[in-house]
N, C-alpha and C. Protein backbone atom coordinates (compact mmCIF):
# COMPACT_ATOMS: atom_id res chain seq x y z
N MET A 1 142.79 93.20 121.89
CA MET A 1 143.57 92.65 120.78
C MET A 1 142.79 91.59 119.99
N LEU A 2 141.90 90.88 120.65
CA LEU A 2 141.13 89.86 119.96
C LEU A 2 140.27 90.45 118.85
N SER A 3 139.67 91.61 119.12
CA SER A 3 138.80 92.22 118.13
C SER A 3 139.57 92.72 116.91
N GLU A 4 140.88 92.92 117.07
CA GLU A 4 141.70 93.42 115.97
C GLU A 4 142.35 92.30 115.17
N LEU A 5 142.12 91.06 115.56
CA LEU A 5 142.79 89.94 114.91
C LEU A 5 142.25 89.73 113.50
N ASN A 6 143.09 89.97 112.51
CA ASN A 6 142.70 89.70 111.13
C ASN A 6 143.70 88.73 110.51
N LYS A 7 143.58 88.53 109.22
CA LYS A 7 144.40 87.53 108.54
C LYS A 7 145.90 87.80 108.71
N ASN A 8 146.31 89.04 108.48
CA ASN A 8 147.74 89.38 108.58
C ASN A 8 148.24 89.28 110.02
N HIS A 9 147.45 89.76 110.98
CA HIS A 9 147.85 89.66 112.39
C HIS A 9 148.01 88.20 112.81
N LEU A 10 147.09 87.37 112.34
CA LEU A 10 147.13 85.95 112.71
C LEU A 10 148.40 85.30 112.20
N ILE A 11 148.73 85.54 110.93
CA ILE A 11 149.96 84.97 110.36
C ILE A 11 151.18 85.45 111.14
N GLN A 12 151.24 86.75 111.43
CA GLN A 12 152.39 87.30 112.15
C GLN A 12 152.51 86.70 113.54
N ARG A 13 151.39 86.63 114.24
CA ARG A 13 151.43 86.12 115.61
C ARG A 13 151.83 84.65 115.64
N PHE A 14 151.34 83.89 114.68
CA PHE A 14 151.65 82.46 114.69
C PHE A 14 153.10 82.22 114.28
N GLN A 15 153.57 82.92 113.26
CA GLN A 15 154.89 82.60 112.71
C GLN A 15 156.03 83.28 113.46
N LEU A 16 155.76 84.36 114.18
CA LEU A 16 156.83 85.06 114.89
C LEU A 16 157.08 84.47 116.27
N HIS A 17 156.12 83.77 116.82
CA HIS A 17 156.25 83.26 118.18
C HIS A 17 156.60 81.78 118.19
N GLN A 18 157.38 81.39 119.16
CA GLN A 18 157.76 79.99 119.27
C GLN A 18 156.54 79.14 119.62
N THR A 19 156.45 77.99 118.97
CA THR A 19 155.31 77.11 119.18
C THR A 19 155.20 76.68 120.64
N VAL A 20 153.97 76.71 121.15
CA VAL A 20 153.71 76.34 122.55
C VAL A 20 153.24 74.89 122.59
N ASP A 21 153.74 74.12 123.56
CA ASP A 21 153.32 72.73 123.70
C ASP A 21 151.99 72.64 124.45
N TYR A 22 151.45 71.44 124.52
CA TYR A 22 150.16 71.22 125.17
C TYR A 22 150.31 71.19 126.69
N HIS A 23 149.19 71.43 127.37
CA HIS A 23 149.20 71.52 128.83
C HIS A 23 149.64 70.19 129.45
N GLN A 24 150.63 70.24 130.33
CA GLN A 24 151.22 69.03 130.89
C GLN A 24 150.21 68.18 131.67
N GLU A 25 149.30 68.85 132.37
CA GLU A 25 148.30 68.09 133.15
C GLU A 25 147.30 67.37 132.25
N ALA A 26 147.16 67.86 131.01
CA ALA A 26 146.26 67.20 130.07
C ALA A 26 146.96 66.06 129.33
N LEU A 27 148.29 66.04 129.38
CA LEU A 27 149.05 65.00 128.69
C LEU A 27 149.28 63.76 129.54
N LYS A 28 149.12 63.90 130.86
CA LYS A 28 149.44 62.78 131.75
C LYS A 28 148.58 61.55 131.49
N ARG A 29 147.36 61.78 131.02
CA ARG A 29 146.44 60.67 130.79
C ARG A 29 146.94 59.71 129.71
N VAL A 30 147.82 60.20 128.83
CA VAL A 30 148.32 59.36 127.72
C VAL A 30 149.81 59.07 127.86
N SER A 31 150.39 59.42 129.00
CA SER A 31 151.84 59.28 129.16
C SER A 31 152.29 57.82 129.17
N HIS A 32 151.36 56.89 129.44
CA HIS A 32 151.72 55.47 129.51
C HIS A 32 151.74 54.81 128.14
N LEU A 33 151.23 55.48 127.10
CA LEU A 33 151.11 54.85 125.79
C LEU A 33 152.47 54.70 125.12
N ASN A 34 152.68 53.59 124.47
CA ASN A 34 153.91 53.34 123.71
C ASN A 34 153.81 54.07 122.38
N GLN A 35 154.66 55.08 122.18
CA GLN A 35 154.53 55.94 121.00
C GLN A 35 154.77 55.18 119.70
N SER A 36 155.51 54.09 119.75
CA SER A 36 155.77 53.34 118.53
C SER A 36 154.53 52.60 118.03
N HIS A 37 153.50 52.49 118.89
CA HIS A 37 152.28 51.78 118.52
C HIS A 37 151.16 52.74 118.11
N LEU A 38 151.45 54.03 118.04
CA LEU A 38 150.41 55.01 117.74
C LEU A 38 150.30 55.26 116.24
N ARG A 39 149.07 55.52 115.79
CA ARG A 39 148.84 55.85 114.39
C ARG A 39 148.85 57.36 114.20
N LYS A 40 149.35 57.80 113.05
CA LYS A 40 149.43 59.23 112.77
C LYS A 40 148.13 59.74 112.15
N ALA A 41 147.78 60.97 112.52
CA ALA A 41 146.59 61.62 111.97
C ALA A 41 146.84 63.12 111.95
N SER A 42 145.95 63.86 111.31
CA SER A 42 146.06 65.32 111.32
C SER A 42 144.68 65.94 111.22
N VAL A 43 144.60 67.20 111.65
CA VAL A 43 143.36 67.96 111.55
C VAL A 43 143.63 69.32 110.93
N LEU A 44 142.58 69.94 110.41
CA LEU A 44 142.68 71.26 109.78
C LEU A 44 141.94 72.29 110.63
N ILE A 45 142.67 73.31 111.09
CA ILE A 45 142.05 74.44 111.79
C ILE A 45 141.84 75.53 110.74
N GLY A 46 140.63 75.58 110.22
CA GLY A 46 140.34 76.46 109.08
C GLY A 46 139.79 77.82 109.51
N PHE A 47 140.54 78.87 109.22
CA PHE A 47 140.11 80.24 109.50
C PHE A 47 139.45 80.83 108.25
N VAL A 48 138.31 81.48 108.45
CA VAL A 48 137.55 82.07 107.35
C VAL A 48 137.35 83.55 107.63
N GLU A 49 137.68 84.41 106.64
CA GLU A 49 137.46 85.86 106.78
C GLU A 49 135.99 86.18 106.53
N ARG A 50 135.36 86.78 107.53
CA ARG A 50 133.99 87.24 107.41
C ARG A 50 133.96 88.75 107.67
N PRO A 51 132.86 89.44 107.33
CA PRO A 51 132.81 90.90 107.52
C PRO A 51 133.11 91.34 108.96
N HIS A 52 132.73 90.54 109.95
CA HIS A 52 132.95 90.92 111.35
C HIS A 52 134.32 90.49 111.86
N GLY A 53 135.06 89.69 111.08
CA GLY A 53 136.36 89.20 111.51
C GLY A 53 136.55 87.74 111.12
N LEU A 54 137.49 87.09 111.77
CA LEU A 54 137.80 85.70 111.43
C LEU A 54 136.88 84.72 112.16
N ASN A 55 136.47 83.67 111.47
CA ASN A 55 135.77 82.55 112.06
C ASN A 55 136.64 81.31 111.95
N ILE A 56 136.33 80.27 112.74
CA ILE A 56 137.02 78.99 112.66
C ILE A 56 136.00 77.89 112.39
N ILE A 57 136.33 76.98 111.48
CA ILE A 57 135.43 75.89 111.08
C ILE A 57 135.53 74.71 112.05
N PHE A 58 134.38 74.23 112.46
CA PHE A 58 134.29 73.02 113.29
C PHE A 58 133.30 72.05 112.67
N THR A 59 133.44 70.78 113.05
CA THR A 59 132.45 69.79 112.65
C THR A 59 131.93 69.08 113.90
N LYS A 60 130.76 68.50 113.79
CA LYS A 60 130.25 67.63 114.85
C LYS A 60 130.26 66.21 114.29
N ARG A 61 131.00 65.34 114.96
CA ARG A 61 131.18 63.98 114.48
C ARG A 61 129.88 63.17 114.58
N ALA A 62 129.73 62.24 113.65
CA ALA A 62 128.53 61.40 113.63
C ALA A 62 128.45 60.55 114.90
N LEU A 63 127.25 60.28 115.34
CA LEU A 63 127.03 59.58 116.62
C LEU A 63 127.43 58.11 116.59
N HIS A 64 127.51 57.51 115.40
CA HIS A 64 127.80 56.07 115.33
C HIS A 64 129.29 55.77 115.21
N LEU A 65 130.15 56.80 115.17
CA LEU A 65 131.59 56.58 114.98
C LEU A 65 132.20 55.88 116.19
N LYS A 66 133.25 55.09 115.93
CA LYS A 66 133.94 54.35 116.99
C LYS A 66 134.69 55.29 117.93
N HIS A 67 135.39 56.28 117.35
CA HIS A 67 136.19 57.20 118.14
C HIS A 67 135.48 58.55 118.28
N HIS A 68 135.27 59.00 119.51
CA HIS A 68 134.74 60.32 119.83
C HIS A 68 133.40 60.63 119.14
N PRO A 69 132.41 59.73 119.22
CA PRO A 69 131.12 59.98 118.57
C PRO A 69 130.43 61.21 119.13
N GLY A 70 129.85 62.02 118.24
CA GLY A 70 129.08 63.18 118.65
C GLY A 70 129.89 64.36 119.14
N GLN A 71 131.21 64.22 119.19
CA GLN A 71 132.03 65.33 119.69
C GLN A 71 132.25 66.38 118.61
N VAL A 72 132.46 67.62 119.06
CA VAL A 72 132.86 68.70 118.17
C VAL A 72 134.35 68.56 117.90
N SER A 73 134.74 68.68 116.65
CA SER A 73 136.15 68.50 116.30
C SER A 73 136.50 69.38 115.11
N PHE A 74 137.80 69.42 114.81
CA PHE A 74 138.25 70.00 113.55
C PHE A 74 138.18 68.92 112.48
N PRO A 75 137.96 69.28 111.21
CA PRO A 75 138.00 68.26 110.16
C PRO A 75 139.37 67.57 110.15
N GLY A 76 139.38 66.28 109.86
CA GLY A 76 140.66 65.57 109.80
C GLY A 76 140.48 64.09 110.01
N GLY A 77 141.61 63.38 110.02
CA GLY A 77 141.55 61.94 110.18
C GLY A 77 142.92 61.32 110.07
N LYS A 78 142.94 60.00 109.90
CA LYS A 78 144.20 59.27 109.97
C LYS A 78 144.98 59.30 108.65
N PHE A 79 146.28 59.24 108.80
CA PHE A 79 147.20 59.22 107.67
C PHE A 79 147.03 57.92 106.89
N GLU A 80 147.00 58.03 105.56
CA GLU A 80 146.94 56.86 104.69
C GLU A 80 148.23 56.78 103.87
N PRO A 81 148.65 55.57 103.50
CA PRO A 81 149.90 55.43 102.73
C PRO A 81 149.93 56.25 101.44
N SER A 82 148.76 56.53 100.89
CA SER A 82 148.72 57.31 99.64
C SER A 82 148.93 58.81 99.88
N ASP A 83 148.91 59.25 101.14
CA ASP A 83 149.11 60.68 101.44
C ASP A 83 150.59 61.03 101.33
N ALA A 84 150.87 62.17 100.69
CA ALA A 84 152.26 62.61 100.55
C ALA A 84 152.86 62.96 101.90
N ASP A 85 152.06 63.57 102.77
CA ASP A 85 152.49 63.93 104.12
C ASP A 85 151.24 64.23 104.95
N LEU A 86 151.46 64.64 106.20
CA LEU A 86 150.32 64.86 107.09
C LEU A 86 149.48 66.08 106.69
N SER A 87 150.09 67.06 106.04
CA SER A 87 149.28 68.20 105.57
C SER A 87 148.32 67.73 104.48
N HIS A 88 148.77 66.82 103.65
CA HIS A 88 147.90 66.25 102.62
C HIS A 88 146.76 65.46 103.26
N THR A 89 147.07 64.77 104.37
CA THR A 89 146.03 64.04 105.11
C THR A 89 144.92 64.99 105.56
N ALA A 90 145.32 66.14 106.14
CA ALA A 90 144.34 67.11 106.63
C ALA A 90 143.47 67.64 105.48
N LEU A 91 144.10 67.93 104.35
CA LEU A 91 143.36 68.44 103.19
C LEU A 91 142.43 67.37 102.62
N ARG A 92 142.93 66.15 102.49
CA ARG A 92 142.12 65.05 101.93
C ARG A 92 140.93 64.75 102.84
N GLU A 93 141.18 64.65 104.15
CA GLU A 93 140.10 64.34 105.08
C GLU A 93 139.06 65.45 105.13
N THR A 94 139.50 66.69 105.04
CA THR A 94 138.56 67.81 105.03
C THR A 94 137.63 67.72 103.83
N PHE A 95 138.21 67.36 102.67
CA PHE A 95 137.39 67.21 101.47
C PHE A 95 136.44 66.03 101.61
N GLU A 96 136.95 64.90 102.13
CA GLU A 96 136.12 63.70 102.25
C GLU A 96 134.98 63.90 103.25
N GLU A 97 135.26 64.61 104.35
CA GLU A 97 134.26 64.77 105.41
C GLU A 97 133.22 65.83 105.09
N VAL A 98 133.68 66.98 104.58
CA VAL A 98 132.75 68.10 104.41
C VAL A 98 132.78 68.73 103.01
N GLY A 99 133.61 68.19 102.11
CA GLY A 99 133.55 68.60 100.71
C GLY A 99 134.25 69.89 100.35
N ILE A 100 135.07 70.45 101.23
CA ILE A 100 135.78 71.68 100.89
C ILE A 100 137.00 71.33 100.03
N ASN A 101 137.07 71.91 98.83
CA ASN A 101 138.14 71.61 97.89
C ASN A 101 139.49 72.13 98.37
N GLN A 102 140.54 71.39 98.02
CA GLN A 102 141.88 71.78 98.44
C GLN A 102 142.30 73.13 97.87
N ASP A 103 141.79 73.48 96.68
CA ASP A 103 142.19 74.77 96.09
C ASP A 103 141.55 75.96 96.80
N GLN A 104 140.68 75.70 97.78
CA GLN A 104 140.10 76.77 98.59
C GLN A 104 140.75 76.87 99.97
N ILE A 105 141.83 76.10 100.17
CA ILE A 105 142.51 76.04 101.48
C ILE A 105 143.98 76.39 101.31
N THR A 106 144.48 77.30 102.15
CA THR A 106 145.90 77.67 102.15
C THR A 106 146.46 77.46 103.55
N ILE A 107 147.32 76.46 103.70
CA ILE A 107 147.93 76.18 105.00
C ILE A 107 149.03 77.19 105.30
N PHE A 108 149.05 77.73 106.53
CA PHE A 108 150.09 78.70 106.89
C PHE A 108 150.85 78.33 108.16
N GLY A 109 150.45 77.26 108.84
CA GLY A 109 151.15 76.92 110.07
C GLY A 109 150.86 75.50 110.52
N GLN A 110 151.71 75.02 111.42
CA GLN A 110 151.60 73.67 111.95
C GLN A 110 151.89 73.69 113.43
N MET A 111 151.12 72.93 114.22
CA MET A 111 151.34 72.81 115.65
C MET A 111 151.98 71.46 115.97
N PRO A 112 152.52 71.29 117.19
CA PRO A 112 153.12 70.00 117.55
C PRO A 112 152.08 68.88 117.54
N GLU A 113 152.56 67.65 117.38
CA GLU A 113 151.62 66.53 117.42
C GLU A 113 151.12 66.32 118.84
N LEU A 114 149.89 65.84 118.94
CA LEU A 114 149.23 65.62 120.22
C LEU A 114 148.81 64.16 120.31
N ILE A 115 149.20 63.48 121.39
CA ILE A 115 148.82 62.08 121.60
C ILE A 115 147.42 62.04 122.22
N THR A 116 146.57 61.16 121.69
CA THR A 116 145.18 61.07 122.16
C THR A 116 144.92 59.72 122.84
N VAL A 117 143.85 59.68 123.63
CA VAL A 117 143.48 58.44 124.32
C VAL A 117 143.08 57.34 123.34
N SER A 118 142.71 57.71 122.12
CA SER A 118 142.35 56.72 121.10
C SER A 118 143.57 56.21 120.34
N LYS A 119 144.77 56.51 120.87
CA LYS A 119 146.04 55.98 120.37
C LYS A 119 146.42 56.50 118.98
N PHE A 120 146.25 57.82 118.83
CA PHE A 120 146.72 58.51 117.64
C PHE A 120 147.69 59.62 118.05
N THR A 121 148.59 59.97 117.15
CA THR A 121 149.31 61.23 117.29
C THR A 121 148.74 62.17 116.22
N VAL A 122 148.15 63.25 116.67
CA VAL A 122 147.42 64.16 115.78
C VAL A 122 148.21 65.45 115.59
N THR A 123 148.46 65.81 114.34
CA THR A 123 149.16 67.05 114.02
C THR A 123 148.15 68.07 113.47
N PRO A 124 147.94 69.21 114.15
CA PRO A 124 147.03 70.24 113.64
C PRO A 124 147.74 71.16 112.64
N PHE A 125 147.05 71.49 111.57
CA PHE A 125 147.52 72.45 110.58
C PHE A 125 146.57 73.63 110.55
N LEU A 126 147.12 74.84 110.60
CA LEU A 126 146.32 76.06 110.53
C LEU A 126 146.26 76.51 109.07
N ALA A 127 145.08 76.95 108.66
CA ALA A 127 144.89 77.31 107.25
C ALA A 127 143.84 78.40 107.11
N PHE A 128 143.90 79.08 105.98
CA PHE A 128 142.82 79.99 105.59
C PHE A 128 141.95 79.29 104.56
N VAL A 129 140.64 79.39 104.76
CA VAL A 129 139.67 78.79 103.86
C VAL A 129 138.91 79.90 103.16
N SER A 130 138.76 79.79 101.85
CA SER A 130 138.05 80.80 101.09
C SER A 130 136.64 81.01 101.64
N PRO A 131 136.23 82.28 101.82
CA PRO A 131 134.89 82.55 102.41
C PRO A 131 133.74 81.98 101.58
N ASP A 132 133.97 81.71 100.30
CA ASP A 132 132.87 81.19 99.47
C ASP A 132 132.93 79.66 99.32
N TYR A 133 133.56 79.01 100.29
CA TYR A 133 133.66 77.55 100.22
C TYR A 133 132.28 76.91 100.22
N LYS A 134 132.19 75.77 99.53
CA LYS A 134 130.95 74.99 99.49
C LYS A 134 131.17 73.69 100.24
N THR A 135 130.12 73.15 100.84
CA THR A 135 130.25 71.91 101.59
C THR A 135 129.36 70.80 101.02
N VAL A 136 129.87 69.59 101.09
CA VAL A 136 129.10 68.38 100.83
C VAL A 136 129.44 67.44 101.99
N ILE A 137 128.54 67.33 102.95
CA ILE A 137 128.82 66.60 104.19
C ILE A 137 128.65 65.09 103.99
N ASP A 138 129.66 64.33 104.40
CA ASP A 138 129.56 62.88 104.43
C ASP A 138 128.89 62.49 105.74
N ARG A 139 127.63 62.11 105.65
CA ARG A 139 126.84 61.82 106.86
C ARG A 139 127.33 60.57 107.60
N ASN A 140 128.17 59.77 106.95
CA ASN A 140 128.75 58.63 107.65
C ASN A 140 129.77 59.08 108.69
N GLU A 141 130.31 60.29 108.52
CA GLU A 141 131.35 60.77 109.42
C GLU A 141 130.96 62.02 110.20
N VAL A 142 130.16 62.87 109.59
CA VAL A 142 129.90 64.20 110.16
C VAL A 142 128.40 64.48 110.19
N ASP A 143 127.92 65.00 111.32
CA ASP A 143 126.52 65.39 111.43
C ASP A 143 126.30 66.85 111.03
N GLU A 144 127.34 67.67 111.24
CA GLU A 144 127.14 69.12 111.09
C GLU A 144 128.48 69.81 110.90
N ILE A 145 128.49 70.91 110.13
CA ILE A 145 129.64 71.79 110.03
C ILE A 145 129.18 73.19 110.41
N PHE A 146 129.98 73.91 111.18
CA PHE A 146 129.60 75.25 111.62
C PHE A 146 130.84 76.09 111.88
N GLU A 147 130.65 77.39 112.00
CA GLU A 147 131.75 78.31 112.27
C GLU A 147 131.57 78.97 113.63
N VAL A 148 132.69 79.24 114.30
CA VAL A 148 132.70 79.95 115.57
C VAL A 148 133.65 81.14 115.42
N PRO A 149 133.25 82.34 115.86
CA PRO A 149 134.16 83.49 115.77
C PRO A 149 135.49 83.21 116.46
N ALA A 150 136.59 83.56 115.80
CA ALA A 150 137.92 83.31 116.36
C ALA A 150 138.12 84.08 117.66
N ASN A 151 137.45 85.24 117.82
CA ASN A 151 137.64 86.00 119.06
C ASN A 151 136.98 85.32 120.26
N ILE A 152 136.12 84.32 120.00
CA ILE A 152 135.59 83.48 121.08
C ILE A 152 136.53 82.29 121.31
N VAL A 153 136.94 81.64 120.24
CA VAL A 153 137.81 80.46 120.36
C VAL A 153 139.14 80.82 121.02
N LEU A 154 139.68 82.00 120.71
CA LEU A 154 141.00 82.39 121.21
C LEU A 154 140.95 83.19 122.51
N ASP A 155 139.75 83.35 123.07
CA ASP A 155 139.59 84.10 124.32
C ASP A 155 139.84 83.17 125.51
N LYS A 156 140.93 83.42 126.23
CA LYS A 156 141.29 82.56 127.36
C LYS A 156 140.22 82.56 128.45
N GLN A 157 139.44 83.63 128.53
CA GLN A 157 138.40 83.72 129.55
C GLN A 157 137.23 82.77 129.26
N LYS A 158 137.09 82.35 128.02
CA LYS A 158 135.97 81.50 127.63
C LYS A 158 136.32 80.01 127.67
N LEU A 159 137.60 79.70 127.81
CA LEU A 159 138.02 78.30 127.89
C LEU A 159 138.14 77.91 129.36
N HIS A 160 137.34 76.96 129.77
CA HIS A 160 137.34 76.53 131.17
C HIS A 160 138.07 75.20 131.31
N SER A 161 138.56 74.93 132.51
CA SER A 161 139.23 73.65 132.73
C SER A 161 138.88 73.10 134.10
N GLN A 162 138.99 71.79 134.20
CA GLN A 162 138.71 71.12 135.47
C GLN A 162 139.76 70.03 135.67
N LYS A 163 140.22 69.91 136.90
CA LYS A 163 141.25 68.94 137.23
C LYS A 163 140.63 67.80 138.02
N PHE A 164 141.03 66.57 137.70
CA PHE A 164 140.56 65.42 138.47
C PHE A 164 141.64 64.34 138.48
N GLN A 165 141.42 63.32 139.30
CA GLN A 165 142.43 62.28 139.51
C GLN A 165 142.11 61.03 138.69
N ILE A 166 143.11 60.52 137.98
CA ILE A 166 143.00 59.23 137.29
C ILE A 166 144.25 58.43 137.64
N ASN A 167 144.07 57.30 138.30
CA ASN A 167 145.21 56.43 138.66
C ASN A 167 146.32 57.20 139.36
N ASN A 168 145.91 57.99 140.34
CA ASN A 168 146.86 58.79 141.15
C ASN A 168 147.54 59.91 140.38
N PHE A 169 147.09 60.17 139.17
CA PHE A 169 147.62 61.29 138.41
C PHE A 169 146.59 62.42 138.37
N SER A 170 147.08 63.63 138.46
CA SER A 170 146.23 64.80 138.30
C SER A 170 146.06 65.08 136.81
N HIS A 171 144.83 65.09 136.34
CA HIS A 171 144.55 65.25 134.91
C HIS A 171 143.64 66.46 134.70
N ARG A 172 143.86 67.21 133.62
CA ARG A 172 143.08 68.42 133.36
C ARG A 172 142.32 68.29 132.04
N VAL A 173 141.05 68.66 132.07
CA VAL A 173 140.20 68.65 130.88
C VAL A 173 139.75 70.08 130.60
N PHE A 174 139.78 70.46 129.33
CA PHE A 174 139.37 71.80 128.92
C PHE A 174 138.03 71.75 128.20
N GLY A 175 137.28 72.86 128.27
CA GLY A 175 136.00 72.92 127.58
C GLY A 175 135.62 74.35 127.23
N LEU A 176 134.89 74.50 126.12
CA LEU A 176 134.46 75.82 125.65
C LEU A 176 133.04 75.68 125.10
N SER A 177 132.15 76.57 125.52
CA SER A 177 130.77 76.53 125.04
C SER A 177 130.53 77.61 123.99
N TYR A 178 129.77 77.26 122.95
CA TYR A 178 129.34 78.24 121.96
C TYR A 178 127.95 77.84 121.47
N LYS A 179 126.97 78.69 121.78
CA LYS A 179 125.57 78.40 121.45
C LYS A 179 125.21 77.01 121.99
N GLN A 180 124.72 76.11 121.11
CA GLN A 180 124.31 74.78 121.60
C GLN A 180 125.46 73.79 121.62
N HIS A 181 126.67 74.23 121.28
CA HIS A 181 127.81 73.32 121.16
C HIS A 181 128.71 73.39 122.38
N PHE A 182 129.27 72.24 122.76
CA PHE A 182 130.28 72.19 123.80
C PHE A 182 131.53 71.53 123.22
N ILE A 183 132.63 72.25 123.23
CA ILE A 183 133.88 71.79 122.63
C ILE A 183 134.80 71.33 123.76
N TRP A 184 135.22 70.08 123.71
CA TRP A 184 136.09 69.57 124.77
C TRP A 184 137.03 68.52 124.17
N GLY A 185 137.68 67.73 125.03
CA GLY A 185 138.56 66.66 124.56
C GLY A 185 139.77 67.19 123.82
N MET A 186 140.20 66.42 122.83
CA MET A 186 141.39 66.77 122.05
C MET A 186 141.28 68.14 121.42
N THR A 187 140.09 68.47 120.90
CA THR A 187 139.90 69.75 120.21
C THR A 187 140.14 70.92 121.17
N ALA A 188 139.64 70.81 122.40
CA ALA A 188 139.86 71.88 123.39
C ALA A 188 141.32 71.94 123.83
N GLN A 189 142.02 70.80 123.87
CA GLN A 189 143.45 70.81 124.16
C GLN A 189 144.21 71.60 123.10
N ILE A 190 143.85 71.38 121.85
CA ILE A 190 144.48 72.11 120.75
C ILE A 190 144.18 73.60 120.87
N ILE A 191 142.94 73.94 121.20
CA ILE A 191 142.56 75.35 121.36
C ILE A 191 143.37 76.00 122.46
N GLN A 192 143.55 75.31 123.59
CA GLN A 192 144.30 75.87 124.71
C GLN A 192 145.74 76.20 124.30
N ALA A 193 146.39 75.28 123.58
CA ALA A 193 147.76 75.53 123.12
C ALA A 193 147.79 76.64 122.06
N MET A 194 146.78 76.68 121.21
CA MET A 194 146.72 77.71 120.17
C MET A 194 146.51 79.09 120.80
N GLN A 195 145.69 79.17 121.84
CA GLN A 195 145.52 80.44 122.56
C GLN A 195 146.86 80.93 123.10
N ASN A 196 147.60 80.04 123.74
CA ASN A 196 148.88 80.45 124.32
C ASN A 196 149.88 80.85 123.26
N HIS A 197 149.84 80.21 122.12
CA HIS A 197 150.76 80.52 121.04
C HIS A 197 150.42 81.87 120.40
N ILE A 198 149.17 82.05 120.03
CA ILE A 198 148.78 83.24 119.26
C ILE A 198 148.53 84.44 120.16
N MET A 199 147.95 84.21 121.36
CA MET A 199 147.52 85.33 122.20
C MET A 199 148.40 85.53 123.43
N HIS A 200 149.62 85.00 123.44
CA HIS A 200 150.39 84.99 124.69
C HIS A 200 150.80 86.37 125.16
N GLN A 201 150.71 87.38 124.32
CA GLN A 201 151.06 88.74 124.74
C GLN A 201 149.83 89.56 125.14
N CYS A 202 148.66 88.95 125.01
CA CYS A 202 147.43 89.70 125.33
C CYS A 202 147.09 89.59 126.80
């Protein structure tokens, strides 16, 4: 089924199925945080149609950043008062970080918010990005932008997890390798929930 996943199948699978929440063992690490003190943010999961199928856009964060330096992530960032809503945040941050214009992005879905160790609640938005998009990378925030085939990102066999103890709690971390990149942390948590949502019948 992964090899057959195209734009129409993706929309149908995402919109027809009930949204899946994040893995409970991965949420325990942030269960102590006071939600009223968290800042809102959002990310864009950008799907691109290529001749071989769908790809997903990722960025590698700059090494000097305060939060998650050098990690692979989806484009995105924190909500600003000037943003109309969190979807606008994802579009604005994507443009600021990697230069993809909003008129080349069509949002088709939204996932539940995810609380992070850096004290944000992050809302992922799924979107289609025009295959002829152009990039202008802000080197203050991003070192690299690249695409990964969706049939790799959504393959449950390729996402690994490890459980360990933190303060007497069992905690689970997810990770996925692609070429020289290792995707983990919040981004891998989002991927795990997205796999269950889109591919739960496979």
